[in-house]
Amino acid sequence: MIDEYIKNKVNEYLSEGHPIKEYDDVYSDTFSELIDKLIIVHIRYWMLEDEMGSNKEDVVRIGQLKMKADNLFKEKRPMLVLALDKMMYKIAKNEVDYTPSNNKLYKGTK
């Protein structure tokens, strides 16, 4: 049901004349890998914010942390979002198989 919703939304977006660019910033095998990377970027950003908050006296260190935070949110995050756009576009056009291939099985599951 979610797959159909996503396909319909992308097709609706495309039919309204919105341009879709071919992004090659990040190559990833799976949709979930891109989501994982985006989550990691957000967690790193939160950690940097926490450290900036606890180092109010050290101006040099705050500057270093600010540069790292800017890199995450001005470079890495947009790059991952564009890669997600590309992945969603390819899924909607049936150009990529998004079926999980390496499912993790735990004891007691079938």
PDB file of N, CA and C in Angstrom:
ATOM      1  N   MET A   1       0.820  -1.185   0.000  1.00  0.00           N
ATOM      2  CA  MET A   1       0.000   0.000   0.000  1.00  0.00           C
ATOM      3  C   MET A   1       0.876   1.266   0.000  1.00  0.00           C
ATOM      4  N   ILE A   2       1.947   1.252   0.786  1.00  0.00           N
ATOM      5  CA  ILE A   2       2.850   2.400   0.831  1.00  0.00           C
ATOM      6  C   ILE A   2       3.561   2.561  -0.508  1.00  0.00           C
ATOM      7  N   ASP A   3       3.964   1.435  -1.103  1.00  0.00           N
ATOM      8  CA  ASP A   3       4.645   1.483  -2.403  1.00  0.00           C
ATOM      9  C   ASP A   3       3.771   2.167  -3.451  1.00  0.00           C
ATOM     10  N   GLU A   4       2.511   1.808  -3.487  1.00  0.00           N
ATOM     11  CA  GLU A   4       1.587   2.405  -4.450  1.00  0.00           C
ATOM     12  C   GLU A   4       1.399   3.886  -4.187  1.00  0.00           C
ATOM     13  N   TYR A   5       1.300   4.258  -2.916  1.00  0.00           N
ATOM     14  CA  TYR A   5       1.149   5.664  -2.559  1.00  0.00           C
ATOM     15  C   TYR A   5       2.349   6.472  -3.056  1.00  0.00           C
ATOM     16  N   ILE A   6       3.563   5.940  -2.807  1.00  0.00           N
ATOM     17  CA  ILE A   6       4.774   6.642  -3.238  1.00  0.00           C
ATOM     18  C   ILE A   6       4.803   6.776  -4.756  1.00  0.00           C
ATOM     19  N   LYS A   7       4.521   5.692  -5.463  1.00  0.00           N
ATOM     20  CA  LYS A   7       4.510   5.739  -6.929  1.00  0.00           C
ATOM     21  C   LYS A   7       3.504   6.762  -7.433  1.00  0.00           C
ATOM     22  N   ASN A   8       2.314   6.777  -6.836  1.00  0.00           N
ATOM     23  CA  ASN A   8       1.280   7.721  -7.253  1.00  0.00           C
ATOM     24  C   ASN A   8       1.707   9.166  -7.004  1.00  0.00           C
ATOM     25  N   LYS A   9       2.326   9.423  -5.850  1.00  0.00           N
ATOM     26  CA  LYS A   9       2.776  10.778  -5.533  1.00  0.00           C
ATOM     27  C   LYS A   9       3.854  11.241  -6.502  1.00  0.00           C
ATOM     28  N   VAL A  10       4.797  10.360  -6.817  1.00  0.00           N
ATOM     29  CA  VAL A  10       5.867  10.725  -7.758  1.00  0.00           C
ATOM     30  C   VAL A  10       5.280  10.976  -9.141  1.00  0.00           C
ATOM     31  N   ASN A  11       4.381  10.104  -9.592  1.00  0.00           N
ATOM     32  CA  ASN A  11       3.748  10.300 -10.900  1.00  0.00           C
ATOM     33  C   ASN A  11       2.940  11.589 -10.941  1.00  0.00           C
ATOM     34  N   GLU A  12       2.256  11.899  -9.839  1.00  0.00           N
ATOM     35  CA  GLU A  12       1.490  13.150  -9.748  1.00  0.00           C
ATOM     36  C   GLU A  12       2.435  14.345  -9.841  1.00  0.00           C
ATOM     37  N   TYR A  13       3.552  14.271  -9.150  1.00  0.00           N
ATOM     38  CA  TYR A  13       4.553  15.328  -9.178  1.00  0.00           C
ATOM     39  C   TYR A  13       5.104  15.517 -10.588  1.00  0.00           C
ATOM     40  N   LEU A  14       5.406  14.411 -11.249  1.00  0.00           N
ATOM     41  CA  LEU A  14       5.953  14.484 -12.600  1.00  0.00           C
ATOM     42  C   LEU A  14       4.929  15.018 -13.599  1.00  0.00           C
ATOM     43  N   SER A  15       3.670  14.635 -13.416  1.00  0.00           N
ATOM     44  CA  SER A  15       2.636  15.076 -14.353  1.00  0.00           C
ATOM     45  C   SER A  15       2.354  16.572 -14.236  1.00  0.00           C
ATOM     46  N   GLU A  16       2.719  17.168 -13.116  1.00  0.00           N
ATOM     47  CA  GLU A  16       2.545  18.605 -12.923  1.00  0.00           C
ATOM     48  C   GLU A  16       3.680  19.395 -13.562  1.00  0.00           C
ATOM     49  N   GLY A  17       4.618  18.701 -14.186  1.00  0.00           N
ATOM     50  CA  GLY A  17       5.697  19.380 -14.900  1.00  0.00           C
ATOM     51  C   GLY A  17       6.912  19.713 -14.082  1.00  0.00           C
ATOM     52  N   HIS A  18       7.031  19.157 -12.894  1.00  0.00           N
ATOM     53  CA  HIS A  18       8.219  19.402 -12.088  1.00  0.00           C
ATOM     54  C   HIS A  18       9.404  18.646 -12.684  1.00  0.00           C
ATOM     55  N   PRO A  19      10.533  19.315 -12.817  1.00  0.00           N
ATOM     56  CA  PRO A  19      11.696  18.626 -13.390  1.00  0.00           C
ATOM     57  C   PRO A  19      12.324  17.668 -12.392  1.00  0.00           C
ATOM     58  N   ILE A  20      12.779  16.541 -12.884  1.00  0.00           N
ATOM     59  CA  ILE A  20      13.528  15.589 -12.073  1.00  0.00           C
ATOM     60  C   ILE A  20      14.923  15.495 -12.661  1.00  0.00           C
ATOM     61  N   LYS A  21      15.904  15.784 -11.852  1.00  0.00           N
ATOM     62  CA  LYS A  21      17.283  15.726 -12.302  1.00  0.00           C
ATOM     63  C   LYS A  21      17.846  14.348 -11.985  1.00  0.00           C
ATOM     64  N   GLU A  22      18.838  13.964 -12.733  1.00  0.00           N
ATOM     65  CA  GLU A  22      19.554  12.728 -12.447  1.00  0.00           C
ATOM     66  C   GLU A  22      20.700  13.063 -11.505  1.00  0.00           C
ATOM     67  N   TYR A  23      20.568  12.682 -10.254  1.00  0.00           N
ATOM     68  CA  TYR A  23      21.583  12.980  -9.258  1.00  0.00           C
ATOM     69  C   TYR A  23      22.552  11.811  -9.158  1.00  0.00           C
ATOM     70  N   ASP A  24      23.832  12.112  -9.112  1.00  0.00           N
ATOM     71  CA  ASP A  24      24.841  11.084  -8.958  1.00  0.00           C
ATOM     72  C   ASP A  24      25.759  11.399  -7.786  1.00  0.00           C
ATOM     73  N   ASP A  25      25.246  12.126  -6.812  1.00  0.00           N
ATOM     74  CA  ASP A  25      26.066  12.519  -5.675  1.00  0.00           C
ATOM     75  C   ASP A  25      26.426  11.340  -4.777  1.00  0.00           C
ATOM     76  N   VAL A  26      25.479  10.439  -4.566  1.00  0.00           N
ATOM     77  CA  VAL A  26      25.702   9.292  -3.701  1.00  0.00           C
ATOM     78  C   VAL A  26      25.120   8.080  -4.398  1.00  0.00           C
ATOM     79  N   TYR A  27      25.873   6.996  -4.427  1.00  0.00           N
ATOM     80  CA  TYR A  27      25.318   5.755  -4.952  1.00  0.00           C
ATOM     81  C   TYR A  27      25.135   4.815  -3.784  1.00  0.00           C
ATOM     82  N   SER A  28      23.966   4.244  -3.698  1.00  0.00           N
ATOM     83  CA  SER A  28      23.670   3.323  -2.617  1.00  0.00           C
ATOM     84  C   SER A  28      22.867   2.174  -3.176  1.00  0.00           C
ATOM     85  N   ASP A  29      23.091   1.003  -2.631  1.00  0.00           N
ATOM     86  CA  ASP A  29      22.381  -0.170  -3.130  1.00  0.00           C
ATOM     87  C   ASP A  29      20.918  -0.190  -2.720  1.00  0.00           C
ATOM     88  N   THR A  30      20.615   0.352  -1.554  1.00  0.00           N
ATOM     89  CA  THR A  30      19.253   0.234  -1.055  1.00  0.00           C
ATOM     90  C   THR A  30      18.731   1.576  -0.534  1.00  0.00           C
ATOM     91  N   PHE A  31      17.433   1.675  -0.515  1.00  0.00           N
ATOM     92  CA  PHE A  31      16.739   2.822   0.049  1.00  0.00           C
ATOM     93  C   PHE A  31      17.066   2.945   1.534  1.00  0.00           C
ATOM     94  N   SER A  32      17.056   1.796   2.234  1.00  0.00           N
ATOM     95  CA  SER A  32      17.304   1.819   3.678  1.00  0.00           C
ATOM     96  C   SER A  32      18.722   2.286   4.009  1.00  0.00           C
ATOM     97  N   GLU A  33      19.683   2.013   3.139  1.00  0.00           N
ATOM     98  CA  GLU A  33      21.045   2.475   3.375  1.00  0.00           C
ATOM     99  C   GLU A  33      21.095   4.004   3.369  1.00  0.00           C
ATOM    100  N   LEU A  34      20.373   4.618   2.454  1.00  0.00           N
ATOM    101  CA  LEU A  34      20.324   6.083   2.413  1.00  0.00           C
ATOM    102  C   LEU A  34      19.661   6.646   3.665  1.00  0.00           C
ATOM    103  N   ILE A  35      18.582   5.997   4.104  1.00  0.00           N
ATOM    104  CA  ILE A  35      17.907   6.439   5.330  1.00  0.00           C
ATOM    105  C   ILE A  35      18.856   6.311   6.513  1.00  0.00           C
ATOM    106  N   ASP A  36      19.589   5.187   6.596  1.00  0.00           N
ATOM    107  CA  ASP A  36      20.570   5.004   7.668  1.00  0.00           C
ATOM    108  C   ASP A  36      21.590   6.141   7.675  1.00  0.00           C
ATOM    109  N   LYS A  37      22.111   6.480   6.506  1.00  0.00           N
ATOM    110  CA  LYS A  37      23.111   7.543   6.415  1.00  0.00           C
ATOM    111  C   LYS A  37      22.535   8.881   6.847  1.00  0.00           C
ATOM    112  N   LEU A  38      21.298   9.146   6.462  1.00  0.00           N
ATOM    113  CA  LEU A  38      20.652  10.399   6.853  1.00  0.00           C
ATOM    114  C   LEU A  38      20.442  10.454   8.366  1.00  0.00           C
ATOM    115  N   ILE A  39      20.059   9.344   8.955  1.00  0.00           N
ATOM    116  CA  ILE A  39      19.889   9.273  10.413  1.00  0.00           C
ATOM    117  C   ILE A  39      21.224   9.529  11.109  1.00  0.00           C
ATOM    118  N   ILE A  40      22.289   8.936  10.592  1.00  0.00           N
ATOM    119  CA  ILE A  40      23.616   9.133  11.182  1.00  0.00           C
ATOM    120  C   ILE A  40      24.029  10.602  11.118  1.00  0.00           C
ATOM    121  N   VAL A  41      23.744  11.267  10.002  1.00  0.00           N
ATOM    122  CA  VAL A  41      24.050  12.694   9.874  1.00  0.00           C
ATOM    123  C   VAL A  41      23.314  13.481  10.956  1.00  0.00           C
ATOM    124  N   HIS A  42      22.046  13.170  11.172  1.00  0.00           N
ATOM    125  CA  HIS A  42      21.270  13.880  12.192  1.00  0.00           C
ATOM    126  C   HIS A  42      21.801  13.605  13.594  1.00  0.00           C
ATOM    127  N   ILE A  43      22.161  12.369  13.882  1.00  0.00           N
ATOM    128  CA  ILE A  43      22.709  12.034  15.203  1.00  0.00           C
ATOM    129  C   ILE A  43      24.035  12.756  15.423  1.00  0.00           C
ATOM    130  N   ARG A  44      24.891  12.774  14.420  1.00  0.00           N
ATOM    131  CA  ARG A  44      26.165  13.497  14.543  1.00  0.00           C
ATOM    132  C   ARG A  44      25.930  14.980  14.794  1.00  0.00           C
ATOM    133  N   TYR A  45      24.945  15.535  14.092  1.00  0.00           N
ATOM    134  CA  TYR A  45      24.628  16.950  14.279  1.00  0.00           C
ATOM    135  C   TYR A  45      24.183  17.219  15.717  1.00  0.00           C
ATOM    136  N   TRP A  46      23.313  16.363  16.249  1.00  0.00           N
ATOM    137  CA  TRP A  46      22.848  16.532  17.629  1.00  0.00           C
ATOM    138  C   TRP A  46      24.014  16.436  18.609  1.00  0.00           C
ATOM    139  N   MET A  47      24.939  15.509  18.350  1.00  0.00           N
ATOM    140  CA  MET A  47      26.107  15.364  19.219  1.00  0.00           C
ATOM    141  C   MET A  47      26.972  16.624  19.170  1.00  0.00           C
ATOM    142  N   LEU A  48      27.143  17.185  17.979  1.00  0.00           N
ATOM    143  CA  LEU A  48      27.910  18.424  17.849  1.00  0.00           C
ATOM    144  C   LEU A  48      27.221  19.572  18.590  1.00  0.00           C
ATOM    145  N   GLU A  49      25.896  19.643  18.470  1.00  0.00           N
ATOM    146  CA  GLU A  49      25.157  20.687  19.195  1.00  0.00           C
ATOM    147  C   GLU A  49      25.355  20.548  20.697  1.00  0.00           C
ATOM    148  N   ASP A  50      25.295  19.315  21.199  1.00  0.00           N
ATOM    149  CA  ASP A  50      25.500  19.078  22.626  1.00  0.00           C
ATOM    150  C   ASP A  50      26.891  19.521  23.064  1.00  0.00           C
ATOM    151  N   GLU A  51      27.895  19.179  22.257  1.00  0.00           N
ATOM    152  CA  GLU A  51      29.262  19.559  22.600  1.00  0.00           C
ATOM    153  C   GLU A  51      29.443  21.073  22.532  1.00  0.00           C
ATOM    154  N   MET A  52      28.812  21.726  21.550  1.00  0.00           N
ATOM    155  CA  MET A  52      28.896  23.188  21.476  1.00  0.00           C
ATOM    156  C   MET A  52      28.273  23.823  22.710  1.00  0.00           C
ATOM    157  N   GLY A  53      27.178  23.225  23.182  1.00  0.00           N
ATOM    158  CA  GLY A  53      26.514  23.758  24.366  1.00  0.00           C
ATOM    159  C   GLY A  53      27.327  23.603  25.632  1.00  0.00           C
ATOM    160  N   SER A  54      28.155  22.556  25.683  1.00  0.00           N
ATOM    161  CA  SER A  54      28.947  22.324  26.892  1.00  0.00           C
ATOM    162  C   SER A  54      30.316  23.007  26.844  1.00  0.00           C
ATOM    163  N   ASN A  55      30.710  23.547  25.699  1.00  0.00           N
ATOM    164  CA  ASN A  55      32.000  24.229  25.544  1.00  0.00           C
ATOM    165  C   ASN A  55      31.817  25.717  25.305  1.00  0.00           C
ATOM    166  N   LYS A  56      31.010  26.361  26.099  1.00  0.00           N
ATOM    167  CA  LYS A  56      30.706  27.771  25.869  1.00  0.00           C
ATOM    168  C   LYS A  56      31.922  28.686  26.037  1.00  0.00           C
ATOM    169  N   GLU A  57      32.908  28.264  26.797  1.00  0.00           N
ATOM    170  CA  GLU A  57      34.090  29.084  27.065  1.00  0.00           C
ATOM    171  C   GLU A  57      35.140  28.973  25.962  1.00  0.00           C
ATOM    172  N   ASP A  58      35.231  27.823  25.303  1.00  0.00           N
ATOM    173  CA  ASP A  58      36.294  27.555  24.328  1.00  0.00           C
ATOM    174  C   ASP A  58      35.843  27.978  22.932  1.00  0.00           C
ATOM    175  N   VAL A  59      36.175  29.220  22.576  1.00  0.00           N
ATOM    176  CA  VAL A  59      35.725  29.804  21.311  1.00  0.00           C
ATOM    177  C   VAL A  59      36.314  29.057  20.116  1.00  0.00           C
ATOM    178  N   VAL A  60      37.565  28.639  20.220  1.00  0.00           N
ATOM    179  CA  VAL A  60      38.224  27.925  19.118  1.00  0.00           C
ATOM    180  C   VAL A  60      37.515  26.593  18.875  1.00  0.00           C
ATOM    181  N   ARG A  61      37.238  25.869  19.944  1.00  0.00           N
ATOM    182  CA  ARG A  61      36.565  24.570  19.809  1.00  0.00           C
ATOM    183  C   ARG A  61      35.153  24.744  19.262  1.00  0.00           C
ATOM    184  N   ILE A  62      34.456  25.756  19.703  1.00  0.00           N
ATOM    185  CA  ILE A  62      33.104  26.021  19.187  1.00  0.00           C
ATOM    186  C   ILE A  62      33.170  26.300  17.694  1.00  0.00           C
ATOM    187  N   GLY A  63      34.183  27.036  17.250  1.00  0.00           N
ATOM    188  CA  GLY A  63      34.359  27.306  15.823  1.00  0.00           C
ATOM    189  C   GLY A  63      34.585  26.025  15.029  1.00  0.00           C
ATOM    190  N   GLN A  64      35.400  25.125  15.565  1.00  0.00           N
ATOM    191  CA  GLN A  64      35.653  23.835  14.900  1.00  0.00           C
ATOM    192  C   GLN A  64      34.369  23.011  14.811  1.00  0.00           C
ATOM    193  N   LEU A  65      33.628  22.979  15.909  1.00  0.00           N
ATOM    194  CA  LEU A  65      32.375  22.220  15.938  1.00  0.00           C
ATOM    195  C   LEU A  65      31.352  22.811  14.982  1.00  0.00           C
ATOM    196  N   LYS A  66      31.305  24.138  14.917  1.00  0.00           N
ATOM    197  CA  LYS A  66      30.376  24.825  14.009  1.00  0.00           C
ATOM    198  C   LYS A  66      30.694  24.483  12.557  1.00  0.00           C
ATOM    199  N   MET A  67      31.995  24.419  12.215  1.00  0.00           N
ATOM    200  CA  MET A  67      32.384  24.058  10.851  1.00  0.00           C
ATOM    201  C   MET A  67      31.943  22.631  10.527  1.00  0.00           C
ATOM    202  N   LYS A  68      32.110  21.723  11.482  1.00  0.00           N
ATOM    203  CA  LYS A  68      31.669  20.337  11.264  1.00  0.00           C
ATOM    204  C   LYS A  68      30.154  20.277  11.090  1.00  0.00           C
ATOM    205  N   ALA A  69      29.432  21.013  11.915  1.00  0.00           N
ATOM    206  CA  ALA A  69      27.972  21.027  11.828  1.00  0.00           C
ATOM    207  C   ALA A  69      27.511  21.600  10.492  1.00  0.00           C
ATOM    208  N   ASP A  70      28.159  22.671  10.047  1.00  0.00           N
ATOM    209  CA  ASP A  70      27.829  23.262   8.750  1.00  0.00           C
ATOM    210  C   ASP A  70      28.076  22.280   7.618  1.00  0.00           C
ATOM    211  N   ASN A  71      29.184  21.547   7.700  1.00  0.00           N
ATOM    212  CA  ASN A  71      29.491  20.540   6.685  1.00  0.00           C
ATOM    213  C   ASN A  71      28.396  19.486   6.622  1.00  0.00           C
ATOM    214  N   LEU A  72      27.935  19.056   7.785  1.00  0.00           N
ATOM    215  CA  LEU A  72      26.874  18.037   7.815  1.00  0.00           C
ATOM    216  C   LEU A  72      25.593  18.545   7.179  1.00  0.00           C
ATOM    217  N   PHE A  73      25.166  19.750   7.566  1.00  0.00           N
ATOM    218  CA  PHE A  73      23.861  20.218   7.127  1.00  0.00           C
ATOM    219  C   PHE A  73      23.867  21.005   5.832  1.00  0.00           C
ATOM    220  N   LYS A  74      25.023  21.451   5.390  1.00  0.00           N
ATOM    221  CA  LYS A  74      25.067  22.201   4.131  1.00  0.00           C
ATOM    222  C   LYS A  74      25.637  21.381   2.985  1.00  0.00           C
ATOM    223  N   GLU A  75      26.302  20.266   3.306  1.00  0.00           N
ATOM    224  CA  GLU A  75      26.876  19.434   2.245  1.00  0.00           C
ATOM    225  C   GLU A  75      26.351  17.995   2.289  1.00  0.00           C
ATOM    226  N   LYS A  76      26.607  17.312   3.394  1.00  0.00           N
ATOM    227  CA  LYS A  76      26.260  15.883   3.443  1.00  0.00           C
ATOM    228  C   LYS A  76      24.758  15.639   3.436  1.00  0.00           C
ATOM    229  N   ARG A  77      24.016  16.389   4.250  1.00  0.00           N
ATOM    230  CA  ARG A  77      22.564  16.183   4.299  1.00  0.00           C
ATOM    231  C   ARG A  77      21.901  16.444   2.949  1.00  0.00           C
ATOM    232  N   PRO A  78      22.181  17.589   2.282  1.00  0.00           N
ATOM    233  CA  PRO A  78      21.575  17.806   0.966  1.00  0.00           C
ATOM    234  C   PRO A  78      21.965  16.731  -0.056  1.00  0.00           C
ATOM    235  N   MET A  79      23.203  16.262   0.020  1.00  0.00           N
ATOM    236  CA  MET A  79      23.658  15.215  -0.888  1.00  0.00           C
ATOM    237  C   MET A  79      22.831  13.940  -0.689  1.00  0.00           C
ATOM    238  N   LEU A  80      22.564  13.588   0.561  1.00  0.00           N
ATOM    239  CA  LEU A  80      21.766  12.396   0.840  1.00  0.00           C
ATOM    240  C   LEU A  80      20.305  12.585   0.437  1.00  0.00           C
ATOM    241  N   VAL A  81      19.768  13.769   0.659  1.00  0.00           N
ATOM    242  CA  VAL A  81      18.384  14.047   0.260  1.00  0.00           C
ATOM    243  C   VAL A  81      18.249  13.942  -1.259  1.00  0.00           C
ATOM    244  N   LEU A  82      19.227  14.454  -1.994  1.00  0.00           N
ATOM    245  CA  LEU A  82      19.194  14.344  -3.449  1.00  0.00           C
ATOM    246  C   LEU A  82      19.297  12.878  -3.892  1.00  0.00           C
ATOM    247  N   ALA A  83      20.108  12.114  -3.190  1.00  0.00           N
ATOM    248  CA  ALA A  83      20.218  10.690  -3.509  1.00  0.00           C
ATOM    249  C   ALA A  83      18.892   9.969  -3.234  1.00  0.00           C
ATOM    250  N   LEU A  84      18.196  10.364  -2.174  1.00  0.00           N
ATOM    251  CA  LEU A  84      16.873   9.786  -1.896  1.00  0.00           C
ATOM    252  C   LEU A  84      15.884  10.154  -2.993  1.00  0.00           C
ATOM    253  N   ASP A  85      15.954  11.404  -3.471  1.00  0.00           N
ATOM    254  CA  ASP A  85      15.105  11.819  -4.589  1.00  0.00           C
ATOM    255  C   ASP A  85      15.334  10.925  -5.801  1.00  0.00           C
ATOM    256  N   LYS A  86      16.604  10.695  -6.085  1.00  0.00           N
ATOM    257  CA  LYS A  86      16.953   9.854  -7.231  1.00  0.00           C
ATOM    258  C   LYS A  86      16.432   8.435  -7.043  1.00  0.00           C
ATOM    259  N   MET A  87      16.603   7.899  -5.832  1.00  0.00           N
ATOM    260  CA  MET A  87      16.135   6.541  -5.554  1.00  0.00           C
ATOM    261  C   MET A  87      14.616   6.460  -5.705  1.00  0.00           C
ATOM    262  N   MET A  88      13.890   7.448  -5.167  1.00  0.00           N
ATOM    263  CA  MET A  88      12.424   7.446  -5.265  1.00  0.00           C
ATOM    264  C   MET A  88      11.986   7.533  -6.732  1.00  0.00           C
ATOM    265  N   TYR A  89      12.671   8.344  -7.496  1.00  0.00           N
ATOM    266  CA  TYR A  89      12.380   8.483  -8.925  1.00  0.00           C
ATOM    267  C   TYR A  89      12.577   7.147  -9.632  1.00  0.00           C
ATOM    268  N   LYS A  90      13.684   6.475  -9.348  1.00  0.00           N
ATOM    269  CA  LYS A  90      13.962   5.191  -9.995  1.00  0.00           C
ATOM    270  C   LYS A  90      12.972   4.108  -9.551  1.00  0.00           C
ATOM    271  N   ILE A  91      12.574   4.141  -8.293  1.00  0.00           N
ATOM    272  CA  ILE A  91      11.563   3.185  -7.822  1.00  0.00           C
ATOM    273  C   ILE A  91      10.248   3.418  -8.545  1.00  0.00           C
ATOM    274  N   ALA A  92       9.849   4.679  -8.654  1.00  0.00           N
ATOM    275  CA  ALA A  92       8.582   5.005  -9.322  1.00  0.00           C
ATOM    276  C   ALA A  92       8.596   4.607 -10.794  1.00  0.00           C
ATOM    277  N   LYS A  93       9.752   4.678 -11.427  1.00  0.00           N
ATOM    278  CA  LYS A  93       9.874   4.319 -12.841  1.00  0.00           C
ATOM    279  C   LYS A  93      10.199   2.831 -13.027  1.00  0.00           C
ATOM    280  N   ASN A  94      10.189   2.061 -11.930  1.00  0.00           N
ATOM    281  CA  ASN A  94      10.525   0.624 -11.949  1.00  0.00           C
ATOM    282  C   ASN A  94      11.907   0.370 -12.539  1.00  0.00           C
ATOM    283  N   GLU A  95      12.837   1.261 -12.279  1.00  0.00           N
ATOM    284  CA  GLU A  95      14.209   1.109 -12.766  1.00  0.00           C
ATOM    285  C   GLU A  95      15.115   0.450 -11.734  1.00  0.00           C
ATOM    286  N   VAL A  96      14.619   0.260 -10.530  1.00  0.00           N
ATOM    287  CA  VAL A  96      15.424  -0.350  -9.476  1.00  0.00           C
ATOM    288  C   VAL A  96      14.536  -1.305  -8.679  1.00  0.00           C
ATOM    289  N   ASP A  97      15.119  -2.429  -8.284  1.00  0.00           N
ATOM    290  CA  ASP A  97      14.390  -3.393  -7.462  1.00  0.00           C
ATOM    291  C   ASP A  97      14.599  -3.012  -6.003  1.00  0.00           C
ATOM    292  N   TYR A  98      13.555  -2.647  -5.321  1.00  0.00           N
ATOM    293  CA  TYR A  98      13.654  -2.199  -3.941  1.00  0.00           C
ATOM    294  C   TYR A  98      13.268  -3.281  -2.946  1.00  0.00           C
ATOM    295  N   THR A  99      13.160  -4.518  -3.402  1.00  0.00           N
ATOM    296  CA  THR A  99      12.841  -5.627  -2.521  1.00  0.00           C
ATOM    297  C   THR A  99      14.071  -5.969  -1.681  1.00  0.00           C
ATOM    298  N   PRO A 100      13.920  -6.033  -0.347  1.00  0.00           N
ATOM    299  CA  PRO A 100      15.075  -6.365   0.488  1.00  0.00           C
ATOM    300  C   PRO A 100      15.670  -7.716   0.104  1.00  0.00           C
ATOM    301  N   SER A 101      16.985  -7.773   0.017  1.00  0.00           N
ATOM    302  CA  SER A 101      17.628  -9.018  -0.385  1.00  0.00           C
ATOM    303  C   SER A 101      18.445  -9.648   0.728  1.00  0.00           C
ATOM    304  N   ASN A 102      18.722  -8.919   1.766  1.00  0.00           N
ATOM    305  CA  ASN A 102      19.533  -9.461   2.850  1.00  0.00           C
ATOM    306  C   ASN A 102      18.813  -9.290   4.188  1.00  0.00           C
ATOM    307  N   ASN A 103      17.667  -9.918   4.294  1.00  0.00           N
ATOM    308  CA  ASN A 103      16.884  -9.819   5.520  1.00  0.00           C
ATOM    309  C   ASN A 103      17.625 -10.458   6.682  1.00  0.00           C
ATOM    310  N   LYS A 104      17.614  -9.789   7.814  1.00  0.00           N
ATOM    311  CA  LYS A 104      18.246 -10.299   9.008  1.00  0.00           C
ATOM    312  C   LYS A 104      17.216 -11.139   9.765  1.00  0.00           C
ATOM    313  N   LEU A 105      17.530 -12.377   9.997  1.00  0.00           N
ATOM    314  CA  LEU A 105      16.634 -13.252  10.728  1.00  0.00           C
ATOM    315  C   LEU A 105      17.158 -13.457  12.144  1.00  0.00           C
ATOM    316  N   TYR A 106      16.274 -13.392  13.114  1.00  0.00           N
ATOM    317  CA  TYR A 106      16.642 -13.554  14.504  1.00  0.00           C
ATOM    318  C   TYR A 106      16.109 -14.876  15.020  1.00  0.00           C
ATOM    319  N   LYS A 107      16.699 -15.354  16.097  1.00  0.00           N
ATOM    320  CA  LYS A 107      16.246 -16.615  16.679  1.00  0.00           C
ATOM    321  C   LYS A 107      14.763 -16.520  16.997  1.00  0.00           C
ATOM    322  N   GLY A 108      14.040 -17.567  16.664  1.00  0.00           N
ATOM    323  CA  GLY A 108      12.611 -17.606  16.948  1.00  0.00           C
ATOM    324  C   GLY A 108      11.745 -17.023  15.853  1.00  0.00           C
ATOM    325  N   THR A 109      12.355 -16.521  14.765  1.00  0.00           N
ATOM    326  CA  THR A 109      11.563 -15.978  13.646  1.00  0.00           C
ATOM    327  C   THR A 109      11.682 -16.894  12.441  1.00  0.00           C
ATOM    328  N   LYS A 110      10.712 -16.798  11.591  1.00  0.00           N
ATOM    329  CA  LYS A 110      10.718 -17.622  10.378  1.00  0.00           C
ATOM    330  C   LYS A 110      10.969 -16.754   9.176  1.00  0.00           C
TER     331      LYS A 110
END
